[in-house]
């Protein structure tokens, strides 16, 4: 447990600070996303229910011409990536790994207790960002900003995207970049 705290407290935090921001979505992903019948927040609710935990990262991708939300759910010491079909909301697949492995691979610096203590959930942050950005969220992730839990949400509006950062404690928009 001490190793886990050290990993998440120092090494992972330095990794997250060096990690790039949300990647821009490809044209094929955007086209598939526009056809989705299931919203990002609906997909998160499905994955959180299945995984009995909190969402910390969500991406939209296409596999074999099927639009999928890839949602990472933290539950205890496990992170499960749930692929949720964007056309019907059904779970397409799940892949589990330890929280330590996930943190090392993705550079996450978030401890599970931070997620349960946050006043604003990832799904709520997405709603705030969609309202501010005037569109639909296509990707979102939990992050740290000045030792605070934050959410970074990519919102697709019209032909472009906006990246909106939401404070996990207050739900306030901290940054809005076109």
N, C-alpha and C. Protein backbone atom coordinates (compact mmCIF):
# COMPACT_ATOMS: atom_id res chain seq x y z
N UNK A 1 0.84 -1.20 0.00
CA UNK A 1 0.00 0.00 0.00
C UNK A 1 0.88 1.25 0.00
N UNK A 2 1.98 1.21 0.76
CA UNK A 2 2.89 2.35 0.79
C UNK A 2 3.46 2.62 -0.60
N UNK A 3 3.79 1.52 -1.32
CA UNK A 3 4.30 1.67 -2.68
C UNK A 3 3.24 2.31 -3.57
N UNK A 4 1.97 1.91 -3.40
CA UNK A 4 0.88 2.47 -4.19
C UNK A 4 0.76 3.97 -3.93
N UNK A 5 0.81 4.37 -2.66
CA UNK A 5 0.70 5.80 -2.34
C UNK A 5 1.86 6.57 -2.95
N UNK A 6 3.07 6.00 -2.86
CA UNK A 6 4.23 6.67 -3.41
C UNK A 6 4.10 6.81 -4.93
N UNK A 7 3.64 5.73 -5.58
CA UNK A 7 3.46 5.77 -7.03
C UNK A 7 2.48 6.84 -7.42
N UNK A 8 1.35 6.86 -6.76
CA UNK A 8 0.31 7.82 -7.12
C UNK A 8 0.63 9.22 -6.63
N UNK A 9 1.37 9.32 -5.55
CA UNK A 9 1.63 10.63 -4.97
C UNK A 9 2.73 11.42 -5.64
N UNK A 10 3.79 10.75 -6.07
CA UNK A 10 4.92 11.50 -6.63
C UNK A 10 5.21 11.14 -8.07
N UNK A 11 5.54 9.89 -8.34
CA UNK A 11 5.92 9.50 -9.70
C UNK A 11 4.79 9.72 -10.68
N UNK A 12 3.60 9.29 -10.32
CA UNK A 12 2.47 9.45 -11.25
C UNK A 12 2.12 10.92 -11.45
N UNK A 13 2.24 11.72 -10.41
CA UNK A 13 1.94 13.14 -10.55
C UNK A 13 2.93 13.79 -11.52
N UNK A 14 4.18 13.41 -11.43
CA UNK A 14 5.14 13.98 -12.38
C UNK A 14 4.85 13.51 -13.80
N UNK A 15 4.37 12.27 -13.95
CA UNK A 15 4.01 11.78 -15.27
C UNK A 15 2.82 12.56 -15.84
N UNK A 16 1.83 12.81 -15.01
CA UNK A 16 0.64 13.50 -15.50
C UNK A 16 0.97 14.94 -15.90
N UNK A 17 1.89 15.55 -15.19
CA UNK A 17 2.26 16.92 -15.53
C UNK A 17 3.00 16.98 -16.86
N UNK A 18 3.66 15.87 -17.22
CA UNK A 18 4.39 15.82 -18.48
C UNK A 18 3.53 15.29 -19.62
N UNK A 19 2.36 14.70 -19.32
CA UNK A 19 1.51 14.09 -20.34
C UNK A 19 0.87 15.15 -21.22
N UNK A 20 0.66 14.82 -22.50
CA UNK A 20 0.00 15.78 -23.38
C UNK A 20 -1.48 15.91 -23.05
N UNK A 21 -2.07 16.99 -23.48
CA UNK A 21 -3.51 17.21 -23.30
C UNK A 21 -4.28 16.24 -24.17
N UNK A 22 -5.59 16.29 -24.09
CA UNK A 22 -6.43 15.41 -24.88
C UNK A 22 -6.02 15.47 -26.35
N UNK A 23 -5.97 14.31 -26.96
CA UNK A 23 -5.61 14.25 -28.37
C UNK A 23 -6.80 14.69 -29.22
N UNK A 24 -6.51 15.33 -30.31
CA UNK A 24 -7.57 15.74 -31.21
C UNK A 24 -8.17 14.50 -31.86
N UNK A 25 -9.48 14.47 -32.01
CA UNK A 25 -10.17 13.33 -32.58
C UNK A 25 -9.99 13.34 -34.10
N UNK A 26 -9.92 12.13 -34.68
CA UNK A 26 -9.78 12.02 -36.13
C UNK A 26 -11.11 12.33 -36.82
N UNK A 27 -11.04 12.60 -38.11
CA UNK A 27 -12.26 12.88 -38.88
C UNK A 27 -13.21 11.69 -38.87
N UNK A 28 -12.66 10.46 -38.96
CA UNK A 28 -13.53 9.27 -38.96
C UNK A 28 -14.19 9.09 -37.59
N UNK A 29 -13.46 9.40 -36.50
CA UNK A 29 -14.06 9.31 -35.17
C UNK A 29 -15.16 10.35 -35.01
N UNK A 30 -14.93 11.55 -35.52
CA UNK A 30 -15.94 12.62 -35.42
C UNK A 30 -17.18 12.24 -36.21
N UNK A 31 -17.01 11.67 -37.40
CA UNK A 31 -18.15 11.25 -38.21
C UNK A 31 -18.94 10.16 -37.48
N UNK A 32 -18.26 9.19 -36.90
CA UNK A 32 -18.94 8.12 -36.15
C UNK A 32 -19.61 8.69 -34.90
N UNK A 33 -18.96 9.64 -34.24
CA UNK A 33 -19.52 10.25 -33.04
C UNK A 33 -20.82 10.97 -33.36
N UNK A 34 -20.87 11.64 -34.48
CA UNK A 34 -22.09 12.37 -34.87
C UNK A 34 -23.27 11.41 -35.09
N UNK A 35 -22.98 10.13 -35.37
CA UNK A 35 -24.03 9.13 -35.58
C UNK A 35 -24.43 8.41 -34.28
N UNK A 36 -23.71 8.67 -33.19
CA UNK A 36 -23.96 7.97 -31.92
C UNK A 36 -25.37 8.25 -31.41
N UNK A 37 -26.02 7.21 -30.94
CA UNK A 37 -27.36 7.35 -30.36
C UNK A 37 -27.28 7.43 -28.83
N UNK A 38 -26.14 7.08 -28.28
CA UNK A 38 -25.91 7.09 -26.84
C UNK A 38 -24.95 8.24 -26.52
N UNK A 39 -25.30 9.05 -25.52
CA UNK A 39 -24.42 10.17 -25.15
C UNK A 39 -23.26 9.68 -24.30
N UNK A 40 -22.27 10.51 -24.20
CA UNK A 40 -21.10 10.21 -23.37
C UNK A 40 -21.51 10.00 -21.92
N UNK A 41 -22.39 10.83 -21.40
CA UNK A 41 -22.80 10.68 -19.99
C UNK A 41 -23.62 9.41 -19.79
N UNK A 42 -24.42 9.00 -20.77
CA UNK A 42 -25.14 7.74 -20.66
C UNK A 42 -24.16 6.56 -20.65
N UNK A 43 -23.14 6.63 -21.49
CA UNK A 43 -22.14 5.56 -21.55
C UNK A 43 -21.36 5.49 -20.23
N UNK A 44 -21.03 6.64 -19.65
CA UNK A 44 -20.34 6.66 -18.36
C UNK A 44 -21.21 6.01 -17.28
N UNK A 45 -22.48 6.36 -17.25
CA UNK A 45 -23.39 5.77 -16.25
C UNK A 45 -23.43 4.25 -16.38
N UNK A 46 -23.49 3.75 -17.61
CA UNK A 46 -23.50 2.30 -17.85
C UNK A 46 -22.20 1.66 -17.34
N UNK A 47 -21.06 2.25 -17.68
CA UNK A 47 -19.77 1.69 -17.27
C UNK A 47 -19.57 1.78 -15.75
N UNK A 48 -19.98 2.90 -15.14
CA UNK A 48 -19.85 3.03 -13.69
C UNK A 48 -20.72 2.00 -12.97
N UNK A 49 -21.89 1.75 -13.50
CA UNK A 49 -22.77 0.74 -12.90
C UNK A 49 -22.15 -0.65 -13.03
N UNK A 50 -21.65 -0.98 -14.21
CA UNK A 50 -21.03 -2.29 -14.43
C UNK A 50 -19.77 -2.45 -13.60
N UNK A 51 -18.96 -1.39 -13.54
CA UNK A 51 -17.67 -1.46 -12.86
C UNK A 51 -17.71 -1.13 -11.38
N UNK A 52 -18.86 -0.65 -10.91
CA UNK A 52 -19.02 -0.29 -9.49
C UNK A 52 -17.90 0.63 -9.02
N UNK A 53 -17.66 1.68 -9.82
CA UNK A 53 -16.61 2.63 -9.48
C UNK A 53 -16.84 3.97 -10.13
N UNK A 54 -15.75 4.73 -10.27
CA UNK A 54 -15.79 6.09 -10.81
C UNK A 54 -15.02 6.16 -12.12
N UNK A 55 -15.60 6.88 -13.09
CA UNK A 55 -14.94 7.10 -14.37
C UNK A 55 -13.79 8.09 -14.20
N UNK A 56 -12.65 7.78 -14.81
CA UNK A 56 -11.49 8.67 -14.74
C UNK A 56 -10.98 9.07 -16.12
N UNK A 57 -11.45 8.39 -17.14
CA UNK A 57 -10.99 8.72 -18.49
C UNK A 57 -12.00 8.15 -19.48
N UNK A 58 -12.28 8.90 -20.54
CA UNK A 58 -13.17 8.39 -21.58
C UNK A 58 -12.71 8.93 -22.92
N UNK A 59 -12.64 8.04 -23.88
CA UNK A 59 -12.27 8.39 -25.25
C UNK A 59 -13.34 7.84 -26.18
N UNK A 60 -13.45 8.44 -27.34
CA UNK A 60 -14.33 7.90 -28.38
C UNK A 60 -13.43 7.38 -29.48
N UNK A 61 -13.71 6.16 -29.93
CA UNK A 61 -12.89 5.54 -30.96
C UNK A 61 -13.79 4.70 -31.84
N UNK A 62 -13.29 4.30 -33.00
CA UNK A 62 -14.01 3.37 -33.85
C UNK A 62 -13.19 2.10 -34.00
N UNK A 63 -13.89 0.97 -33.92
CA UNK A 63 -13.29 -0.33 -34.17
C UNK A 63 -14.22 -1.09 -35.09
N UNK A 64 -13.70 -1.54 -36.22
CA UNK A 64 -14.51 -2.25 -37.20
C UNK A 64 -15.76 -1.45 -37.57
N UNK A 65 -15.59 -0.16 -37.77
CA UNK A 65 -16.66 0.77 -38.16
C UNK A 65 -17.73 0.97 -37.10
N UNK A 66 -17.46 0.55 -35.86
CA UNK A 66 -18.41 0.73 -34.75
C UNK A 66 -17.86 1.80 -33.82
N UNK A 67 -18.68 2.81 -33.51
CA UNK A 67 -18.29 3.84 -32.57
C UNK A 67 -18.34 3.31 -31.15
N UNK A 68 -17.26 3.50 -30.40
CA UNK A 68 -17.16 3.00 -29.02
C UNK A 68 -16.68 4.09 -28.09
N UNK A 69 -17.31 4.16 -26.93
CA UNK A 69 -16.76 4.95 -25.84
C UNK A 69 -15.87 4.01 -25.05
N UNK A 70 -14.63 4.39 -24.84
CA UNK A 70 -13.70 3.60 -24.03
C UNK A 70 -13.57 4.32 -22.69
N UNK A 71 -14.12 3.69 -21.65
CA UNK A 71 -14.26 4.35 -20.37
C UNK A 71 -13.46 3.58 -19.32
N UNK A 72 -12.52 4.28 -18.66
CA UNK A 72 -11.74 3.68 -17.59
C UNK A 72 -12.44 3.96 -16.27
N UNK A 73 -12.75 2.88 -15.52
CA UNK A 73 -13.44 2.96 -14.24
C UNK A 73 -12.50 2.47 -13.15
N UNK A 74 -12.31 3.29 -12.11
CA UNK A 74 -11.50 2.89 -10.95
C UNK A 74 -12.45 2.35 -9.89
N UNK A 75 -12.12 1.15 -9.41
CA UNK A 75 -12.85 0.52 -8.31
C UNK A 75 -11.82 -0.15 -7.42
N UNK A 76 -11.58 0.45 -6.25
CA UNK A 76 -10.55 -0.08 -5.35
C UNK A 76 -9.17 0.02 -5.99
N UNK A 77 -8.51 -1.12 -6.11
CA UNK A 77 -7.16 -1.16 -6.69
C UNK A 77 -7.17 -1.65 -8.13
N UNK A 78 -8.34 -1.60 -8.79
CA UNK A 78 -8.50 -2.10 -10.15
C UNK A 78 -9.03 -0.99 -11.06
N UNK A 79 -8.53 -0.96 -12.28
CA UNK A 79 -9.07 -0.09 -13.32
C UNK A 79 -9.55 -1.00 -14.44
N UNK A 80 -10.80 -0.81 -14.83
CA UNK A 80 -11.36 -1.60 -15.93
C UNK A 80 -11.72 -0.65 -17.06
N UNK A 81 -11.25 -0.99 -18.26
CA UNK A 81 -11.63 -0.23 -19.45
C UNK A 81 -12.86 -0.93 -20.03
N UNK A 82 -13.96 -0.21 -20.04
CA UNK A 82 -15.22 -0.70 -20.60
C UNK A 82 -15.41 -0.06 -21.96
N UNK A 83 -15.60 -0.89 -22.99
CA UNK A 83 -15.95 -0.40 -24.31
C UNK A 83 -17.47 -0.44 -24.42
N UNK A 84 -18.07 0.73 -24.60
CA UNK A 84 -19.52 0.84 -24.67
C UNK A 84 -19.90 1.23 -26.10
N UNK A 85 -20.75 0.42 -26.73
CA UNK A 85 -21.20 0.66 -28.10
C UNK A 85 -22.01 1.96 -28.13
N UNK A 86 -21.59 2.92 -28.93
CA UNK A 86 -22.24 4.23 -29.00
C UNK A 86 -23.59 4.19 -29.70
N UNK A 87 -23.90 3.10 -30.39
CA UNK A 87 -25.18 3.01 -31.09
C UNK A 87 -26.28 2.44 -30.21
N UNK A 88 -25.92 1.63 -29.18
CA UNK A 88 -26.96 1.00 -28.38
C UNK A 88 -26.69 0.98 -26.87
N UNK A 89 -25.53 1.43 -26.43
CA UNK A 89 -25.21 1.50 -25.01
C UNK A 89 -24.80 0.18 -24.38
N UNK A 90 -24.65 -0.86 -25.17
CA UNK A 90 -24.28 -2.16 -24.62
C UNK A 90 -22.77 -2.26 -24.44
N UNK A 91 -22.37 -3.02 -23.44
CA UNK A 91 -20.95 -3.25 -23.19
C UNK A 91 -20.42 -4.17 -24.29
N UNK A 92 -19.40 -3.72 -24.99
CA UNK A 92 -18.80 -4.51 -26.06
C UNK A 92 -17.66 -5.37 -25.54
N UNK A 93 -16.90 -4.84 -24.56
CA UNK A 93 -15.80 -5.61 -23.97
C UNK A 93 -15.34 -4.91 -22.70
N UNK A 94 -14.54 -5.63 -21.92
CA UNK A 94 -13.96 -5.07 -20.70
C UNK A 94 -12.56 -5.64 -20.52
N UNK A 95 -11.65 -4.81 -20.02
CA UNK A 95 -10.27 -5.22 -19.81
C UNK A 95 -9.79 -4.65 -18.49
N UNK A 96 -9.40 -5.55 -17.56
CA UNK A 96 -8.98 -5.12 -16.23
C UNK A 96 -7.46 -5.08 -16.10
N UNK A 97 -7.02 -4.15 -15.23
CA UNK A 97 -5.62 -4.10 -14.84
C UNK A 97 -5.54 -3.46 -13.45
N UNK A 98 -4.38 -3.57 -12.84
CA UNK A 98 -4.24 -2.96 -11.53
C UNK A 98 -4.15 -1.45 -11.66
N UNK A 99 -4.52 -0.77 -10.60
CA UNK A 99 -4.44 0.69 -10.58
C UNK A 99 -2.99 1.15 -10.78
N UNK A 100 -2.05 0.43 -10.17
CA UNK A 100 -0.64 0.80 -10.31
C UNK A 100 -0.18 0.70 -11.76
N UNK A 101 -0.57 -0.38 -12.45
CA UNK A 101 -0.20 -0.54 -13.85
C UNK A 101 -0.83 0.54 -14.71
N UNK A 102 -2.11 0.80 -14.48
CA UNK A 102 -2.81 1.84 -15.24
C UNK A 102 -2.13 3.20 -15.04
N UNK A 103 -1.81 3.51 -13.80
CA UNK A 103 -1.18 4.80 -13.49
C UNK A 103 0.17 4.92 -14.19
N UNK A 104 0.93 3.84 -14.20
CA UNK A 104 2.23 3.86 -14.88
C UNK A 104 2.07 4.06 -16.38
N UNK A 105 1.14 3.33 -16.99
CA UNK A 105 0.97 3.38 -18.44
C UNK A 105 0.40 4.70 -18.92
N UNK A 106 -0.56 5.24 -18.20
CA UNK A 106 -1.25 6.42 -18.68
C UNK A 106 -0.84 7.71 -17.99
N UNK A 107 -0.02 7.61 -16.97
CA UNK A 107 0.42 8.81 -16.29
C UNK A 107 -0.63 9.43 -15.41
N UNK A 108 -1.57 8.65 -14.93
CA UNK A 108 -2.63 9.20 -14.07
C UNK A 108 -2.08 9.48 -12.68
N UNK A 109 -2.48 10.57 -12.10
CA UNK A 109 -2.04 10.94 -10.76
C UNK A 109 -3.19 11.06 -9.80
N UNK A 110 -4.27 10.33 -10.02
CA UNK A 110 -5.47 10.45 -9.23
C UNK A 110 -5.62 9.23 -8.34
N UNK A 111 -5.83 9.45 -7.06
CA UNK A 111 -6.09 8.36 -6.14
C UNK A 111 -7.60 8.12 -6.05
N UNK A 112 -8.03 6.86 -5.87
CA UNK A 112 -9.47 6.58 -5.80
C UNK A 112 -10.20 7.41 -4.75
N UNK A 113 -9.57 7.65 -3.61
CA UNK A 113 -10.26 8.43 -2.58
C UNK A 113 -10.49 9.88 -3.00
N UNK A 114 -9.64 10.40 -3.88
CA UNK A 114 -9.87 11.75 -4.41
C UNK A 114 -11.15 11.80 -5.24
N UNK A 115 -11.39 10.74 -5.99
CA UNK A 115 -12.57 10.70 -6.84
C UNK A 115 -13.85 10.65 -6.02
N UNK A 116 -13.83 9.87 -4.95
CA UNK A 116 -15.04 9.78 -4.13
C UNK A 116 -15.25 11.04 -3.31
N UNK A 117 -14.17 11.77 -3.03
CA UNK A 117 -14.28 13.01 -2.25
C UNK A 117 -14.63 14.22 -3.12
N UNK A 118 -14.45 14.10 -4.43
CA UNK A 118 -14.73 15.24 -5.31
C UNK A 118 -16.21 15.57 -5.32
N UNK A 119 -16.52 16.84 -5.21
CA UNK A 119 -17.91 17.29 -5.24
C UNK A 119 -18.53 17.15 -6.62
N UNK A 120 -17.70 17.21 -7.65
CA UNK A 120 -18.16 17.15 -9.03
C UNK A 120 -17.65 15.84 -9.65
N UNK A 121 -18.55 15.06 -10.23
CA UNK A 121 -18.15 13.82 -10.90
C UNK A 121 -17.72 14.12 -12.33
N UNK A 122 -17.12 13.14 -12.99
CA UNK A 122 -16.74 13.30 -14.39
C UNK A 122 -17.97 13.57 -15.24
N UNK A 123 -19.06 12.84 -15.00
CA UNK A 123 -20.30 13.05 -15.77
C UNK A 123 -20.84 14.46 -15.57
N UNK A 124 -20.79 14.98 -14.34
CA UNK A 124 -21.25 16.35 -14.10
C UNK A 124 -20.35 17.36 -14.80
N UNK A 125 -19.04 17.13 -14.76
CA UNK A 125 -18.10 18.02 -15.43
C UNK A 125 -18.35 18.04 -16.94
N UNK A 126 -18.70 16.89 -17.49
CA UNK A 126 -19.02 16.83 -18.92
C UNK A 126 -20.24 17.69 -19.22
N UNK A 127 -21.27 17.62 -18.39
CA UNK A 127 -22.45 18.45 -18.57
C UNK A 127 -22.12 19.93 -18.51
N UNK A 128 -21.28 20.31 -17.58
CA UNK A 128 -20.85 21.71 -17.44
C UNK A 128 -20.09 22.15 -18.69
N UNK A 129 -19.18 21.28 -19.15
CA UNK A 129 -18.37 21.61 -20.33
C UNK A 129 -19.24 21.68 -21.59
N UNK A 130 -20.20 20.76 -21.73
CA UNK A 130 -21.08 20.80 -22.90
C UNK A 130 -21.89 22.09 -22.91
N UNK A 131 -22.37 22.50 -21.76
CA UNK A 131 -23.13 23.75 -21.66
C UNK A 131 -22.25 24.94 -22.04
N UNK A 132 -21.05 24.98 -21.50
CA UNK A 132 -20.12 26.09 -21.77
C UNK A 132 -19.65 26.07 -23.23
N UNK A 133 -19.38 24.86 -23.75
CA UNK A 133 -18.82 24.74 -25.10
C UNK A 133 -19.84 24.72 -26.21
N UNK A 134 -21.13 24.63 -25.86
CA UNK A 134 -22.17 24.65 -26.87
C UNK A 134 -22.14 23.47 -27.83
N UNK A 135 -21.83 22.28 -27.30
CA UNK A 135 -21.77 21.09 -28.15
C UNK A 135 -21.82 19.84 -27.32
N UNK A 136 -21.29 18.75 -27.87
CA UNK A 136 -21.29 17.44 -27.22
C UNK A 136 -19.86 17.02 -26.90
N UNK A 137 -19.65 16.49 -25.70
CA UNK A 137 -18.33 16.01 -25.30
C UNK A 137 -17.99 14.74 -26.05
N UNK A 138 -16.75 14.68 -26.55
CA UNK A 138 -16.28 13.50 -27.27
C UNK A 138 -15.19 12.78 -26.47
N UNK A 139 -14.48 13.48 -25.59
CA UNK A 139 -13.46 12.89 -24.73
C UNK A 139 -13.41 13.65 -23.42
N UNK A 140 -12.97 12.95 -22.37
CA UNK A 140 -12.80 13.60 -21.07
C UNK A 140 -11.84 12.79 -20.22
N UNK A 141 -11.15 13.47 -19.32
CA UNK A 141 -10.24 12.78 -18.41
C UNK A 141 -10.12 13.54 -17.10
N UNK A 142 -9.77 12.78 -16.07
CA UNK A 142 -9.47 13.36 -14.77
C UNK A 142 -8.00 13.72 -14.78
N UNK A 143 -7.67 14.82 -14.13
CA UNK A 143 -6.29 15.32 -14.15
C UNK A 143 -6.01 16.02 -12.82
N UNK A 144 -4.80 16.46 -12.65
CA UNK A 144 -4.42 17.32 -11.53
C UNK A 144 -3.97 18.65 -12.08
N UNK A 145 -4.38 19.72 -11.44
CA UNK A 145 -3.95 21.05 -11.83
C UNK A 145 -3.70 21.82 -10.53
N UNK A 146 -2.47 22.16 -10.27
CA UNK A 146 -2.09 22.83 -9.02
C UNK A 146 -2.57 22.06 -7.79
N UNK A 147 -2.30 20.74 -7.79
CA UNK A 147 -2.67 19.84 -6.69
C UNK A 147 -4.17 19.77 -6.44
N UNK A 148 -4.97 20.01 -7.48
CA UNK A 148 -6.43 19.90 -7.38
C UNK A 148 -6.92 18.93 -8.43
N UNK A 149 -7.96 18.20 -8.10
CA UNK A 149 -8.61 17.33 -9.05
C UNK A 149 -9.36 18.19 -10.06
N UNK A 150 -9.08 17.97 -11.34
CA UNK A 150 -9.76 18.71 -12.40
C UNK A 150 -10.19 17.73 -13.48
N UNK A 151 -11.07 18.19 -14.34
CA UNK A 151 -11.52 17.40 -15.48
C UNK A 151 -11.24 18.20 -16.74
N UNK A 152 -10.68 17.54 -17.73
CA UNK A 152 -10.43 18.17 -19.02
C UNK A 152 -11.36 17.51 -20.03
N UNK A 153 -12.21 18.31 -20.66
CA UNK A 153 -13.27 17.79 -21.54
C UNK A 153 -13.11 18.40 -22.92
N UNK A 154 -13.10 17.55 -23.95
CA UNK A 154 -13.07 18.02 -25.34
C UNK A 154 -14.50 18.03 -25.85
N UNK A 155 -14.98 19.20 -26.24
CA UNK A 155 -16.36 19.38 -26.71
C UNK A 155 -16.35 19.66 -28.21
N UNK A 156 -17.13 18.88 -28.94
CA UNK A 156 -17.27 19.06 -30.38
C UNK A 156 -18.46 19.98 -30.62
N UNK A 157 -18.20 21.11 -31.31
CA UNK A 157 -19.28 22.05 -31.63
C UNK A 157 -19.07 22.54 -33.06
N UNK A 158 -20.07 22.39 -33.87
CA UNK A 158 -19.92 22.79 -35.27
C UNK A 158 -18.84 21.98 -35.93
N UNK A 159 -17.85 22.66 -36.47
CA UNK A 159 -16.75 21.97 -37.14
C UNK A 159 -15.48 21.89 -36.32
N UNK A 160 -15.50 22.44 -35.10
CA UNK A 160 -14.29 22.46 -34.29
C UNK A 160 -14.50 21.85 -32.92
N UNK A 161 -13.44 21.93 -32.13
CA UNK A 161 -13.53 21.43 -30.75
C UNK A 161 -13.02 22.50 -29.81
N UNK A 162 -13.50 22.41 -28.57
CA UNK A 162 -13.02 23.27 -27.49
C UNK A 162 -12.62 22.36 -26.34
N UNK A 163 -11.53 22.69 -25.68
CA UNK A 163 -11.09 21.95 -24.51
C UNK A 163 -11.42 22.80 -23.30
N UNK A 164 -12.23 22.23 -22.41
CA UNK A 164 -12.70 22.95 -21.24
C UNK A 164 -12.26 22.22 -20.00
N UNK A 165 -11.62 22.94 -19.07
CA UNK A 165 -11.15 22.38 -17.81
C UNK A 165 -12.11 22.81 -16.71
N UNK A 166 -12.58 21.80 -15.93
CA UNK A 166 -13.55 22.02 -14.87
C UNK A 166 -12.95 21.62 -13.53
N UNK A 167 -13.12 22.46 -12.51
CA UNK A 167 -12.62 22.19 -11.16
C UNK A 167 -13.46 21.08 -10.52
N UNK A 168 -12.81 20.03 -10.00
CA UNK A 168 -13.51 18.90 -9.40
C UNK A 168 -14.17 19.23 -8.07
N UNK A 169 -13.68 20.24 -7.39
CA UNK A 169 -14.25 20.62 -6.09
C UNK A 169 -15.45 21.54 -6.24
N UNK A 170 -15.36 22.49 -7.18
CA UNK A 170 -16.40 23.52 -7.28
C UNK A 170 -17.32 23.38 -8.50
N UNK A 171 -16.87 22.65 -9.53
CA UNK A 171 -17.64 22.57 -10.76
C UNK A 171 -17.51 23.80 -11.63
N UNK A 172 -16.62 24.70 -11.27
CA UNK A 172 -16.41 25.94 -12.03
C UNK A 172 -15.49 25.69 -13.22
N UNK A 173 -15.74 26.39 -14.32
CA UNK A 173 -14.87 26.32 -15.49
C UNK A 173 -13.59 27.08 -15.17
N UNK A 174 -12.45 26.40 -15.32
CA UNK A 174 -11.15 26.99 -15.04
C UNK A 174 -10.46 27.51 -16.30
N UNK A 175 -10.73 26.85 -17.44
CA UNK A 175 -10.11 27.25 -18.70
C UNK A 175 -11.01 26.81 -19.84
N UNK A 176 -10.93 27.54 -20.94
CA UNK A 176 -11.73 27.26 -22.12
C UNK A 176 -10.86 27.61 -23.32
N UNK A 177 -10.41 26.58 -24.05
CA UNK A 177 -9.52 26.81 -25.21
C UNK A 177 -10.17 26.28 -26.48
N UNK A 178 -10.15 27.11 -27.50
CA UNK A 178 -10.71 26.68 -28.80
C UNK A 178 -9.63 26.02 -29.62
